[in-house]
Amino acid sequence: LERKLKPLTWYEITGEILNNSMEFGGIDASMDIDTVLKVDSISDL
């Protein structure tokens, strides 16, 4: 509701790629995923 992010919809995300960062509890190292972004902006496609 707050972010107006609708599920199954494409968005363009910009931000800082986290790489072995301790921000957010080191989430980028603990999960089996390709990229973790600290978001600056989210815009509709």
PDB file of all heavy atoms in Angstrom:
ATOM      1  N   LEU A   1       0.833  -1.209   0.000  1.00  0.00           N
ATOM      2  CA  LEU A   1       0.000   0.000   0.000  1.00  0.00           C
ATOM      3  C   LEU A   1       0.863   1.253   0.000  1.00  0.00           C
ATOM      4  O   LEU A   1       0.617   2.207  -0.734  1.00  0.00           O
ATOM      5  CB  LEU A   1      -0.909   0.009   1.234  1.00  0.00           C
ATOM      6  CG  LEU A   1      -2.112  -0.941   1.219  1.00  0.00           C
ATOM      7  CD1 LEU A   1      -2.692  -1.096   2.624  1.00  0.00           C
ATOM      8  CD2 LEU A   1      -3.188  -0.437   0.269  1.00  0.00           C
ATOM      9  N   GLU A   2       1.895   1.248   0.837  1.00  0.00           N
ATOM     10  CA  GLU A   2       2.709   2.445   1.019  1.00  0.00           C
ATOM     11  C   GLU A   2       3.622   2.712  -0.171  1.00  0.00           C
ATOM     12  O   GLU A   2       3.750   3.841  -0.637  1.00  0.00           O
ATOM     13  CB  GLU A   2       3.542   2.265   2.294  1.00  0.00           C
ATOM     14  CG  GLU A   2       4.060   3.552   2.874  1.00  0.00           C
ATOM     15  CD  GLU A   2       4.695   3.335   4.242  1.00  0.00           C
ATOM     16  OE1 GLU A   2       4.251   2.445   4.983  1.00  0.00           O
ATOM     17  OE2 GLU A   2       5.652   4.069   4.537  1.00  0.00           O
ATOM     18  N   ARG A   3       4.248   1.635  -0.687  1.00  0.00           N
ATOM     19  CA  ARG A   3       5.209   1.795  -1.783  1.00  0.00           C
ATOM     20  C   ARG A   3       4.548   1.744  -3.161  1.00  0.00           C
ATOM     21  O   ARG A   3       5.207   1.991  -4.166  1.00  0.00           O
ATOM     22  CB  ARG A   3       6.271   0.690  -1.711  1.00  0.00           C
ATOM     23  CG  ARG A   3       7.055   0.668  -0.420  1.00  0.00           C
ATOM     24  CD  ARG A   3       7.984   1.845  -0.307  1.00  0.00           C
ATOM     25  NE  ARG A   3       8.803   1.737   0.901  1.00  0.00           N
ATOM     26  CZ  ARG A   3       9.510   2.718   1.403  1.00  0.00           C
ATOM     27  NH1 ARG A   3       9.496   3.900   0.822  1.00  0.00           N
ATOM     28  NH2 ARG A   3      10.219   2.542   2.494  1.00  0.00           N
ATOM     29  N   LYS A   4       3.259   1.347  -3.164  1.00  0.00           N
ATOM     30  CA  LYS A   4       2.522   1.207  -4.436  1.00  0.00           C
ATOM     31  C   LYS A   4       3.247   0.230  -5.374  1.00  0.00           C
ATOM     32  O   LYS A   4       3.391   0.468  -6.567  1.00  0.00           O
ATOM     33  CB  LYS A   4       2.309   2.564  -5.111  1.00  0.00           C
ATOM     34  CG  LYS A   4       1.438   3.495  -4.283  1.00  0.00           C
ATOM     35  CD  LYS A   4       1.242   4.840  -4.947  1.00  0.00           C
ATOM     36  CE  LYS A   4       0.272   5.707  -4.165  1.00  0.00           C
ATOM     37  NZ  LYS A   4       0.628   5.913  -2.757  1.00  0.00           N
ATOM     38  N   LEU A   5       3.716  -0.860  -4.784  1.00  0.00           N
ATOM     39  CA  LEU A   5       4.401  -1.910  -5.537  1.00  0.00           C
ATOM     40  C   LEU A   5       3.432  -3.056  -5.754  1.00  0.00           C
ATOM     41  O   LEU A   5       3.055  -3.722  -4.792  1.00  0.00           O
ATOM     42  CB  LEU A   5       5.606  -2.427  -4.750  1.00  0.00           C
ATOM     43  CG  LEU A   5       6.917  -1.666  -4.887  1.00  0.00           C
ATOM     44  CD1 LEU A   5       7.958  -2.282  -3.982  1.00  0.00           C
ATOM     45  CD2 LEU A   5       7.411  -1.668  -6.318  1.00  0.00           C
ATOM     46  N   LYS A   6       3.022  -3.281  -6.976  1.00  0.00           N
ATOM     47  CA  LYS A   6       2.046  -4.328  -7.248  1.00  0.00           C
ATOM     48  C   LYS A   6       2.754  -5.638  -7.587  1.00  0.00           C
ATOM     49  O   LYS A   6       3.644  -5.650  -8.441  1.00  0.00           O
ATOM     50  CB  LYS A   6       1.122  -3.907  -8.396  1.00  0.00           C
ATOM     51  CG  LYS A   6       0.336  -2.647  -8.077  1.00  0.00           C
ATOM     52  CD  LYS A   6      -0.625  -2.290  -9.188  1.00  0.00           C
ATOM     53  CE  LYS A   6      -1.375  -1.001  -8.833  1.00  0.00           C
ATOM     54  NZ  LYS A   6      -2.384  -0.645  -9.842  1.00  0.00           N
ATOM     55  N   PRO A   7       2.359  -6.741  -6.957  1.00  0.00           N
ATOM     56  CA  PRO A   7       2.977  -8.035  -7.274  1.00  0.00           C
ATOM     57  C   PRO A   7       2.813  -8.404  -8.751  1.00  0.00           C
ATOM     58  O   PRO A   7       1.846  -7.999  -9.400  1.00  0.00           O
ATOM     59  CB  PRO A   7       2.200  -9.019  -6.390  1.00  0.00           C
ATOM     60  CG  PRO A   7       1.718  -8.183  -5.245  1.00  0.00           C
ATOM     61  CD  PRO A   7       1.408  -6.842  -5.834  1.00  0.00           C
ATOM     62  N   LEU A   8       3.796  -9.159  -9.264  1.00  0.00           N
ATOM     63  CA  LEU A   8       3.819  -9.617 -10.665  1.00  0.00           C
ATOM     64  C   LEU A   8       3.790  -8.462 -11.664  1.00  0.00           C
ATOM     65  O   LEU A   8       3.191  -8.563 -12.732  1.00  0.00           O
ATOM     66  CB  LEU A   8       2.672 -10.604 -10.942  1.00  0.00           C
ATOM     67  CG  LEU A   8       2.739 -11.926 -10.180  1.00  0.00           C
ATOM     68  CD1 LEU A   8       1.613 -12.852 -10.615  1.00  0.00           C
ATOM     69  CD2 LEU A   8       4.076 -12.625 -10.381  1.00  0.00           C
ATOM     70  N   THR A   9       4.395  -7.363 -11.298  1.00  0.00           N
ATOM     71  CA  THR A   9       4.518  -6.202 -12.189  1.00  0.00           C
ATOM     72  C   THR A   9       6.007  -5.859 -12.291  1.00  0.00           C
ATOM     73  O   THR A   9       6.732  -5.950 -11.307  1.00  0.00           O
ATOM     74  CB  THR A   9       3.730  -4.997 -11.621  1.00  0.00           C
ATOM     75  OG1 THR A   9       2.376  -5.398 -11.401  1.00  0.00           O
ATOM     76  CG2 THR A   9       3.754  -3.815 -12.566  1.00  0.00           C
ATOM     77  N   TRP A  10       6.434  -5.471 -13.493  1.00  0.00           N
ATOM     78  CA  TRP A  10       7.838  -5.108 -13.704  1.00  0.00           C
ATOM     79  C   TRP A  10       8.115  -3.672 -13.249  1.00  0.00           C
ATOM     80  O   TRP A  10       7.344  -2.770 -13.535  1.00  0.00           O
ATOM     81  CB  TRP A  10       8.205  -5.215 -15.185  1.00  0.00           C
ATOM     82  CG  TRP A  10       8.258  -6.623 -15.695  1.00  0.00           C
ATOM     83  CD1 TRP A  10       7.306  -7.259 -16.439  1.00  0.00           C
ATOM     84  CD2 TRP A  10       9.311  -7.568 -15.527  1.00  0.00           C
ATOM     85  NE1 TRP A  10       7.697  -8.533 -16.732  1.00  0.00           N
ATOM     86  CE2 TRP A  10       8.928  -8.754 -16.186  1.00  0.00           C
ATOM     87  CE3 TRP A  10      10.552  -7.537 -14.879  1.00  0.00           C
ATOM     88  CZ2 TRP A  10       9.735  -9.893 -16.217  1.00  0.00           C
ATOM     89  CZ3 TRP A  10      11.350  -8.672 -14.912  1.00  0.00           C
ATOM     90  CH2 TRP A  10      10.943  -9.830 -15.576  1.00  0.00           C
ATOM     91  N   TYR A  11       9.242  -3.483 -12.555  1.00  0.00           N
ATOM     92  CA  TYR A  11       9.685  -2.146 -12.141  1.00  0.00           C
ATOM     93  C   TYR A  11      11.155  -1.977 -12.485  1.00  0.00           C
ATOM     94  O   TYR A  11      11.889  -2.954 -12.636  1.00  0.00           O
ATOM     95  CB  TYR A  11       9.499  -1.956 -10.627  1.00  0.00           C
ATOM     96  CG  TYR A  11       8.059  -1.909 -10.208  1.00  0.00           C
ATOM     97  CD1 TYR A  11       7.387  -3.069  -9.819  1.00  0.00           C
ATOM     98  CD2 TYR A  11       7.345  -0.712 -10.214  1.00  0.00           C
ATOM     99  CE1 TYR A  11       6.054  -3.034  -9.461  1.00  0.00           C
ATOM    100  CE2 TYR A  11       6.012  -0.664  -9.841  1.00  0.00           C
ATOM    101  CZ  TYR A  11       5.372  -1.830  -9.469  1.00  0.00           C
ATOM    102  OH  TYR A  11       4.053  -1.793  -9.104  1.00  0.00           O
ATOM    103  N   GLU A  12      11.559  -0.720 -12.615  1.00  0.00           N
ATOM    104  CA  GLU A  12      12.977  -0.408 -12.797  1.00  0.00           C
ATOM    105  C   GLU A  12      13.529   0.035 -11.440  1.00  0.00           C
ATOM    106  O   GLU A  12      12.996   0.970 -10.828  1.00  0.00           O
ATOM    107  CB  GLU A  12      13.150   0.710 -13.825  1.00  0.00           C
ATOM    108  CG  GLU A  12      14.595   0.924 -14.229  1.00  0.00           C
ATOM    109  CD  GLU A  12      14.706   1.914 -15.387  1.00  0.00           C
ATOM    110  OE1 GLU A  12      14.792   3.128 -15.101  1.00  0.00           O
ATOM    111  OE2 GLU A  12      14.689   1.487 -16.555  1.00  0.00           O
ATOM    112  N   ILE A  13      14.579  -0.657 -10.990  1.00  0.00           N
ATOM    113  CA  ILE A  13      15.148  -0.388  -9.670  1.00  0.00           C
ATOM    114  C   ILE A  13      16.566   0.156  -9.837  1.00  0.00           C
ATOM    115  O   ILE A  13      17.352  -0.400 -10.608  1.00  0.00           O
ATOM    116  CB  ILE A  13      15.227  -1.696  -8.835  1.00  0.00           C
ATOM    117  CG1 ILE A  13      13.936  -2.512  -8.925  1.00  0.00           C
ATOM    118  CG2 ILE A  13      15.611  -1.415  -7.398  1.00  0.00           C
ATOM    119  CD1 ILE A  13      12.753  -1.956  -8.233  1.00  0.00           C
ATOM    120  N   THR A  14      16.877   1.232  -9.134  1.00  0.00           N
ATOM    121  CA  THR A  14      18.269   1.714  -9.120  1.00  0.00           C
ATOM    122  C   THR A  14      18.749   1.742  -7.676  1.00  0.00           C
ATOM    123  O   THR A  14      17.954   1.968  -6.750  1.00  0.00           O
ATOM    124  CB  THR A  14      18.403   3.128  -9.721  1.00  0.00           C
ATOM    125  OG1 THR A  14      17.626   4.037  -8.937  1.00  0.00           O
ATOM    126  CG2 THR A  14      17.926   3.164 -11.157  1.00  0.00           C
ATOM    127  N   GLY A  15      20.045   1.509  -7.488  1.00  0.00           N
ATOM    128  CA  GLY A  15      20.577   1.547  -6.133  1.00  0.00           C
ATOM    129  C   GLY A  15      21.992   1.030  -6.075  1.00  0.00           C
ATOM    130  O   GLY A  15      22.630   0.757  -7.094  1.00  0.00           O
ATOM    131  N   GLU A  16      22.481   0.870  -4.864  1.00  0.00           N
ATOM    132  CA  GLU A  16      23.863   0.429  -4.626  1.00  0.00           C
ATOM    133  C   GLU A  16      23.884  -1.092  -4.477  1.00  0.00           C
ATOM    134  O   GLU A  16      23.121  -1.663  -3.696  1.00  0.00           O
ATOM    135  CB  GLU A  16      24.367   1.088  -3.335  1.00  0.00           C
ATOM    136  CG  GLU A  16      25.748   0.641  -2.911  1.00  0.00           C
ATOM    137  CD  GLU A  16      26.050   1.048  -1.469  1.00  0.00           C
ATOM    138  OE1 GLU A  16      25.351   1.933  -0.917  1.00  0.00           O
ATOM    139  OE2 GLU A  16      26.993   0.467  -0.891  1.00  0.00           O
ATOM    140  N   ILE A  17      24.757  -1.765  -5.245  1.00  0.00           N
ATOM    141  CA  ILE A  17      24.889  -3.221  -5.125  1.00  0.00           C
ATOM    142  C   ILE A  17      25.688  -3.535  -3.855  1.00  0.00           C
ATOM    143  O   ILE A  17      26.787  -3.028  -3.663  1.00  0.00           O
ATOM    144  CB  ILE A  17      25.590  -3.821  -6.363  1.00  0.00           C
ATOM    145  CG1 ILE A  17      24.707  -3.648  -7.604  1.00  0.00           C
ATOM    146  CG2 ILE A  17      25.897  -5.306  -6.140  1.00  0.00           C
ATOM    147  CD1 ILE A  17      25.343  -4.127  -8.895  1.00  0.00           C
ATOM    148  N   LEU A  18      25.111  -4.359  -2.981  1.00  0.00           N
ATOM    149  CA  LEU A  18      25.800  -4.753  -1.749  1.00  0.00           C
ATOM    150  C   LEU A  18      26.684  -5.962  -2.038  1.00  0.00           C
ATOM    151  O   LEU A  18      26.273  -6.901  -2.714  1.00  0.00           O
ATOM    152  CB  LEU A  18      24.782  -5.102  -0.663  1.00  0.00           C
ATOM    153  CG  LEU A  18      23.852  -3.975  -0.196  1.00  0.00           C
ATOM    154  CD1 LEU A  18      22.965  -4.453   0.942  1.00  0.00           C
ATOM    155  CD2 LEU A  18      24.624  -2.737   0.234  1.00  0.00           C
ATOM    156  N   ASN A  19      27.888  -5.935  -1.527  1.00  0.00           N
ATOM    157  CA  ASN A  19      28.840  -7.021  -1.747  1.00  0.00           C
ATOM    158  C   ASN A  19      29.594  -7.288  -0.450  1.00  0.00           C
ATOM    159  O   ASN A  19      30.463  -6.515  -0.055  1.00  0.00           O
ATOM    160  CB  ASN A  19      29.806  -6.661  -2.888  1.00  0.00           C
ATOM    161  CG  ASN A  19      30.730  -7.813  -3.232  1.00  0.00           C
ATOM    162  OD1 ASN A  19      30.436  -8.954  -2.907  1.00  0.00           O
ATOM    163  ND2 ASN A  19      31.848  -7.508  -3.865  1.00  0.00           N
ATOM    164  N   ASN A  20      29.217  -8.379   0.224  1.00  0.00           N
ATOM    165  CA  ASN A  20      29.800  -8.716   1.527  1.00  0.00           C
ATOM    166  C   ASN A  20      29.724  -7.537   2.504  1.00  0.00           C
ATOM    167  O   ASN A  20      30.666  -7.252   3.242  1.00  0.00           O
ATOM    168  CB  ASN A  20      31.266  -9.171   1.377  1.00  0.00           C
ATOM    169  CG  ASN A  20      31.355 -10.508   0.661  1.00  0.00           C
ATOM    170  OD1 ASN A  20      30.506 -11.381   0.867  1.00  0.00           O
ATOM    171  ND2 ASN A  20      32.356 -10.670  -0.196  1.00  0.00           N
ATOM    172  N   SER A  21      28.581  -6.865   2.464  1.00  0.00           N
ATOM    173  CA  SER A  21      28.367  -5.719   3.352  1.00  0.00           C
ATOM    174  C   SER A  21      27.685  -6.197   4.635  1.00  0.00           C
ATOM    175  O   SER A  21      26.895  -7.127   4.608  1.00  0.00           O
ATOM    176  CB  SER A  21      27.484  -4.695   2.635  1.00  0.00           C
ATOM    177  OG  SER A  21      26.959  -3.774   3.563  1.00  0.00           O
ATOM    178  N   MET A  22      27.970  -5.548   5.741  1.00  0.00           N
ATOM    179  CA  MET A  22      27.298  -5.914   6.995  1.00  0.00           C
ATOM    180  C   MET A  22      25.981  -5.165   7.171  1.00  0.00           C
ATOM    181  O   MET A  22      25.280  -5.360   8.154  1.00  0.00           O
ATOM    182  CB  MET A  22      28.232  -5.638   8.192  1.00  0.00           C
ATOM    183  CG  MET A  22      29.378  -6.634   8.304  1.00  0.00           C
ATOM    184  SD  MET A  22      28.847  -8.369   8.050  1.00  0.00           S
ATOM    185  CE  MET A  22      27.781  -8.598   9.463  1.00  0.00           C
ATOM    186  N   GLU A  23      25.644  -4.295   6.195  1.00  0.00           N
ATOM    187  CA  GLU A  23      24.345  -3.629   6.260  1.00  0.00           C
ATOM    188  C   GLU A  23      23.230  -4.667   6.156  1.00  0.00           C
ATOM    189  O   GLU A  23      23.363  -5.679   5.475  1.00  0.00           O
ATOM    190  CB  GLU A  23      24.206  -2.624   5.105  1.00  0.00           C
ATOM    191  CG  GLU A  23      24.933  -1.319   5.340  1.00  0.00           C
ATOM    192  CD  GLU A  23      24.539  -0.262   4.325  1.00  0.00           C
ATOM    193  OE1 GLU A  23      25.128  -0.283   3.229  1.00  0.00           O
ATOM    194  OE2 GLU A  23      23.667   0.554   4.622  1.00  0.00           O
ATOM    195  N   PHE A  24      22.138  -4.413   6.817  1.00  0.00           N
ATOM    196  CA  PHE A  24      20.962  -5.310   6.778  1.00  0.00           C
ATOM    197  C   PHE A  24      21.340  -6.736   7.180  1.00  0.00           C
ATOM    198  O   PHE A  24      20.856  -7.710   6.601  1.00  0.00           O
ATOM    199  CB  PHE A  24      20.303  -5.301   5.386  1.00  0.00           C
ATOM    200  CG  PHE A  24      20.017  -3.923   4.868  1.00  0.00           C
ATOM    201  CD1 PHE A  24      20.756  -3.385   3.824  1.00  0.00           C
ATOM    202  CD2 PHE A  24      19.029  -3.145   5.443  1.00  0.00           C
ATOM    203  CE1 PHE A  24      20.514  -2.100   3.367  1.00  0.00           C
ATOM    204  CE2 PHE A  24      18.776  -1.868   4.992  1.00  0.00           C
ATOM    205  CZ  PHE A  24      19.516  -1.332   3.953  1.00  0.00           C
ATOM    206  N   GLY A  25      22.222  -6.837   8.173  1.00  0.00           N
ATOM    207  CA  GLY A  25      22.563  -8.151   8.707  1.00  0.00           C
ATOM    208  C   GLY A  25      23.330  -9.041   7.755  1.00  0.00           C
ATOM    209  O   GLY A  25      23.294 -10.262   7.881  1.00  0.00           O
ATOM    210  N   GLY A  26      24.030  -8.465   6.786  1.00  0.00           N
ATOM    211  CA  GLY A  26      24.810  -9.257   5.837  1.00  0.00           C
ATOM    212  C   GLY A  26      23.946 -10.116   4.927  1.00  0.00           C
ATOM    213  O   GLY A  26      24.302 -11.232   4.552  1.00  0.00           O
ATOM    214  N   ILE A  27      22.790  -9.555   4.544  1.00  0.00           N
ATOM    215  CA  ILE A  27      21.798 -10.331   3.765  1.00  0.00           C
ATOM    216  C   ILE A  27      22.360 -10.805   2.420  1.00  0.00           C
ATOM    217  O   ILE A  27      22.006 -11.886   1.944  1.00  0.00           O
ATOM    218  CB  ILE A  27      20.510  -9.487   3.559  1.00  0.00           C
ATOM    219  CG1 ILE A  27      19.374 -10.374   3.032  1.00  0.00           C
ATOM    220  CG2 ILE A  27      20.725  -8.291   2.651  1.00  0.00           C
ATOM    221  CD1 ILE A  27      18.029  -9.674   2.985  1.00  0.00           C
ATOM    222  N   ASP A  28      23.249 -10.033   1.814  1.00  0.00           N
ATOM    223  CA  ASP A  28      23.773 -10.406   0.493  1.00  0.00           C
ATOM    224  C   ASP A  28      24.663 -11.644   0.563  1.00  0.00           C
ATOM    225  O   ASP A  28      24.799 -12.379  -0.419  1.00  0.00           O
ATOM    226  CB  ASP A  28      24.541  -9.234  -0.129  1.00  0.00           C
ATOM    227  CG  ASP A  28      25.634  -8.696   0.790  1.00  0.00           C
ATOM    228  OD1 ASP A  28      25.282  -8.283   1.909  1.00  0.00           O
ATOM    229  OD2 ASP A  28      26.811  -8.686   0.391  1.00  0.00           O
ATOM    230  N   ALA A  29      25.265 -11.897   1.715  1.00  0.00           N
ATOM    231  CA  ALA A  29      26.124 -13.079   1.851  1.00  0.00           C
ATOM    232  C   ALA A  29      25.332 -14.309   2.287  1.00  0.00           C
ATOM    233  O   ALA A  29      25.747 -15.436   2.042  1.00  0.00           O
ATOM    234  CB  ALA A  29      27.233 -12.788   2.856  1.00  0.00           C
ATOM    235  N   SER A  30      24.185 -14.088   2.930  1.00  0.00           N
ATOM    236  CA  SER A  30      23.456 -15.208   3.538  1.00  0.00           C
ATOM    237  C   SER A  30      22.442 -15.852   2.606  1.00  0.00           C
ATOM    238  O   SER A  30      21.886 -16.890   2.928  1.00  0.00           O
ATOM    239  CB  SER A  30      22.735 -14.730   4.802  1.00  0.00           C
ATOM    240  OG  SER A  30      21.721 -13.797   4.462  1.00  0.00           O
ATOM    241  N   MET A  31      22.181 -15.244   1.450  1.00  0.00           N
ATOM    242  CA  MET A  31      21.152 -15.778   0.562  1.00  0.00           C
ATOM    243  C   MET A  31      21.722 -16.202  -0.781  1.00  0.00           C
ATOM    244  O   MET A  31      22.653 -15.587  -1.286  1.00  0.00           O
ATOM    245  CB  MET A  31      20.024 -14.755   0.359  1.00  0.00           C
ATOM    246  CG  MET A  31      19.264 -14.470   1.632  1.00  0.00           C
ATOM    247  SD  MET A  31      17.918 -13.299   1.390  1.00  0.00           S
ATOM    248  CE  MET A  31      16.729 -14.362   0.600  1.00  0.00           C
ATOM    249  N   ASP A  32      21.131 -17.264  -1.336  1.00  0.00           N
ATOM    250  CA  ASP A  32      21.612 -17.837  -2.601  1.00  0.00           C
ATOM    251  C   ASP A  32      20.958 -17.107  -3.775  1.00  0.00           C
ATOM    252  O   ASP A  32      20.122 -17.653  -4.479  1.00  0.00           O
ATOM    253  CB  ASP A  32      21.270 -19.332  -2.611  1.00  0.00           C
ATOM    254  CG  ASP A  32      21.794 -20.031  -3.856  1.00  0.00           C
ATOM    255  OD1 ASP A  32      22.704 -19.474  -4.499  1.00  0.00           O
ATOM    256  OD2 ASP A  32      21.286 -21.110  -4.185  1.00  0.00           O
ATOM    257  N   ILE A  33      21.317 -15.833  -3.941  1.00  0.00           N
ATOM    258  CA  ILE A  33      20.760 -15.012  -5.022  1.00  0.00           C
ATOM    259  C   ILE A  33      21.872 -14.197  -5.677  1.00  0.00           C
ATOM    260  O   ILE A  33      22.960 -14.069  -5.128  1.00  0.00           O
ATOM    261  CB  ILE A  33      19.636 -14.066  -4.515  1.00  0.00           C
ATOM    262  CG1 ILE A  33      20.058 -13.348  -3.250  1.00  0.00           C
ATOM    263  CG2 ILE A  33      18.353 -14.819  -4.280  1.00  0.00           C
ATOM    264  CD1 ILE A  33      18.991 -12.482  -2.653  1.00  0.00           C
ATOM    265  N   ASP A  34      21.576 -13.677  -6.880  1.00  0.00           N
ATOM    266  CA  ASP A  34      22.620 -13.039  -7.687  1.00  0.00           C
ATOM    267  C   ASP A  34      22.987 -11.642  -7.203  1.00  0.00           C
ATOM    268  O   ASP A  34      24.164 -11.298  -7.124  1.00  0.00           O
ATOM    269  CB  ASP A  34      22.160 -12.951  -9.156  1.00  0.00           C
ATOM    270  CG  ASP A  34      21.878 -14.331  -9.725  1.00  0.00           C
ATOM    271  OD1 ASP A  34      22.610 -15.266  -9.368  1.00  0.00           O
ATOM    272  OD2 ASP A  34      20.929 -14.476 -10.507  1.00  0.00           O
ATOM    273  N   THR A  35      21.983 -10.822  -6.919  1.00  0.00           N
ATOM    274  CA  THR A  35      22.246  -9.412  -6.643  1.00  0.00           C
ATOM    275  C   THR A  35      21.369  -8.911  -5.503  1.00  0.00           C
ATOM    276  O   THR A  35      20.185  -9.239  -5.444  1.00  0.00           O
ATOM    277  CB  THR A  35      21.927  -8.552  -7.894  1.00  0.00           C
ATOM    278  OG1 THR A  35      22.632  -9.092  -9.006  1.00  0.00           O
ATOM    279  CG2 THR A  35      22.340  -7.103  -7.696  1.00  0.00           C
ATOM    280  N   VAL A  36      21.970  -8.135  -4.605  1.00  0.00           N
ATOM    281  CA  VAL A  36      21.200  -7.429  -3.572  1.00  0.00           C
ATOM    282  C   VAL A  36      21.438  -5.932  -3.752  1.00  0.00           C
ATOM    283  O   VAL A  36      22.574  -5.483  -3.785  1.00  0.00           O
ATOM    284  CB  VAL A  36      21.611  -7.867  -2.152  1.00  0.00           C
ATOM    285  CG1 VAL A  36      20.838  -7.059  -1.107  1.00  0.00           C
ATOM    286  CG2 VAL A  36      21.345  -9.342  -1.945  1.00  0.00           C
ATOM    287  N   LEU A  37      20.342  -5.188  -3.909  1.00  0.00           N
ATOM    288  CA  LEU A  37      20.434  -3.737  -4.092  1.00  0.00           C
ATOM    289  C   LEU A  37      19.914  -2.993  -2.874  1.00  0.00           C
ATOM    290  O   LEU A  37      18.842  -3.320  -2.357  1.00  0.00           O
ATOM    291  CB  LEU A  37      19.577  -3.308  -5.292  1.00  0.00           C
ATOM    292  CG  LEU A  37      20.142  -3.484  -6.701  1.00  0.00           C
ATOM    293  CD1 LEU A  37      19.046  -3.219  -7.715  1.00  0.00           C
ATOM    294  CD2 LEU A  37      21.298  -2.536  -6.943  1.00  0.00           C
ATOM    295  N   LYS A  38      20.662  -2.015  -2.430  1.00  0.00           N
ATOM    296  CA  LYS A  38      20.145  -1.045  -1.468  1.00  0.00           C
ATOM    297  C   LYS A  38      19.462   0.028  -2.318  1.00  0.00           C
ATOM    298  O   LYS A  38      20.112   0.785  -3.032  1.00  0.00           O
ATOM    299  CB  LYS A  38      21.291  -0.456  -0.651  1.00  0.00           C
ATOM    300  CG  LYS A  38      20.850   0.535   0.404  1.00  0.00           C
ATOM    301  CD  LYS A  38      22.061   1.076   1.149  1.00  0.00           C
ATOM    302  CE  LYS A  38      21.658   2.162   2.131  1.00  0.00           C
ATOM    303  NZ  LYS A  38      22.838   2.743   2.797  1.00  0.00           N
ATOM    304  N   VAL A  39      18.149   0.093  -2.270  1.00  0.00           N
ATOM    305  CA  VAL A  39      17.360   0.829  -3.265  1.00  0.00           C
ATOM    306  C   VAL A  39      17.443   2.347  -3.095  1.00  0.00           C
ATOM    307  O   VAL A  39      17.303   2.868  -1.990  1.00  0.00           O
ATOM    308  CB  VAL A  39      15.878   0.383  -3.205  1.00  0.00           C
ATOM    309  CG1 VAL A  39      15.015   1.226  -4.135  1.00  0.00           C
ATOM    310  CG2 VAL A  39      15.762  -1.083  -3.571  1.00  0.00           C
ATOM    311  N   ASP A  40      17.668   3.013  -4.229  1.00  0.00           N
ATOM    312  CA  ASP A  40      17.554   4.482  -4.271  1.00  0.00           C
ATOM    313  C   ASP A  40      16.208   4.885  -4.851  1.00  0.00           C
ATOM    314  O   ASP A  40      15.551   5.795  -4.355  1.00  0.00           O
ATOM    315  CB  ASP A  40      18.682   5.087  -5.129  1.00  0.00           C
ATOM    316  CG  ASP A  40      20.042   4.960  -4.464  1.00  0.00           C
ATOM    317  OD1 ASP A  40      20.082   4.965  -3.212  1.00  0.00           O
ATOM    318  OD2 ASP A  40      21.055   4.837  -5.175  1.00  0.00           O
ATOM    319  N   SER A  41      15.794   4.206  -5.946  1.00  0.00           N
ATOM    320  CA  SER A  41      14.517   4.584  -6.565  1.00  0.00           C
ATOM    321  C   SER A  41      13.851   3.371  -7.210  1.00  0.00           C
ATOM    322  O   SER A  41      14.528   2.433  -7.645  1.00  0.00           O
ATOM    323  CB  SER A  41      14.734   5.669  -7.632  1.00  0.00           C
ATOM    324  OG  SER A  41      15.449   5.136  -8.727  1.00  0.00           O
ATOM    325  N   ILE A  42      12.539   3.408  -7.237  1.00  0.00           N
ATOM    326  CA  ILE A  42      11.725   2.377  -7.887  1.00  0.00           C
ATOM    327  C   ILE A  42      10.749   3.106  -8.801  1.00  0.00           C
ATOM    328  O   ILE A  42      10.021   3.992  -8.356  1.00  0.00           O
ATOM    329  CB  ILE A  42      10.932   1.550  -6.851  1.00  0.00           C
ATOM    330  CG1 ILE A  42      11.885   0.872  -5.862  1.00  0.00           C
ATOM    331  CG2 ILE A  42      10.053   0.506  -7.532  1.00  0.00           C
ATOM    332  CD1 ILE A  42      11.195   0.157  -4.703  1.00  0.00           C
ATOM    333  N   SER A  43      10.756   2.753 -10.097  1.00  0.00           N
ATOM    334  CA  SER A  43       9.841   3.422 -11.017  1.00  0.00           C
ATOM    335  C   SER A  43       9.127   2.394 -11.906  1.00  0.00           C
ATOM    336  O   SER A  43       9.664   1.322 -12.199  1.00  0.00           O
ATOM    337  CB  SER A  43      10.593   4.442 -11.885  1.00  0.00           C
ATOM    338  OG  SER A  43      11.668   3.815 -12.561  1.00  0.00           O
ATOM    339  N   ASP A  44       7.907   2.742 -12.314  1.00  0.00           N
ATOM    340  CA  ASP A  44       7.116   1.857 -13.176  1.00  0.00           C
ATOM    341  C   ASP A  44       7.777   1.700 -14.532  1.00  0.00           C
ATOM    342  O   ASP A  44       8.404   2.637 -15.042  1.00  0.00           O
ATOM    343  CB  ASP A  44       5.713   2.445 -13.416  1.00  0.00           C
ATOM    344  CG  ASP A  44       4.881   2.434 -12.158  1.00  0.00           C
ATOM    345  OD1 ASP A  44       5.319   1.828 -11.174  1.00  0.00           O
ATOM    346  OD2 ASP A  44       3.790   3.026 -12.158  1.00  0.00           O
ATOM    347  N   LEU A  45       7.638   0.531 -15.121  1.00  0.00           N
ATOM    348  CA  LEU A  45       8.037   0.338 -16.515  1.00  0.00           C
ATOM    349  C   LEU A  45       6.830   0.643 -17.382  1.00  0.00           C
ATOM    350  O   LEU A  45       5.736   0.142 -17.132  1.00  0.00           O
ATOM    351  CB  LEU A  45       8.475  -1.109 -16.756  1.00  0.00           C
ATOM    352  CG  LEU A  45       9.946  -1.459 -16.502  1.00  0.00           C
ATOM    353  CD1 LEU A  45      10.202  -2.901 -16.916  1.00  0.00           C
ATOM    354  CD2 LEU A  45      10.880  -0.559 -17.282  1.00  0.00           C
TER     355      LEU A  45
END
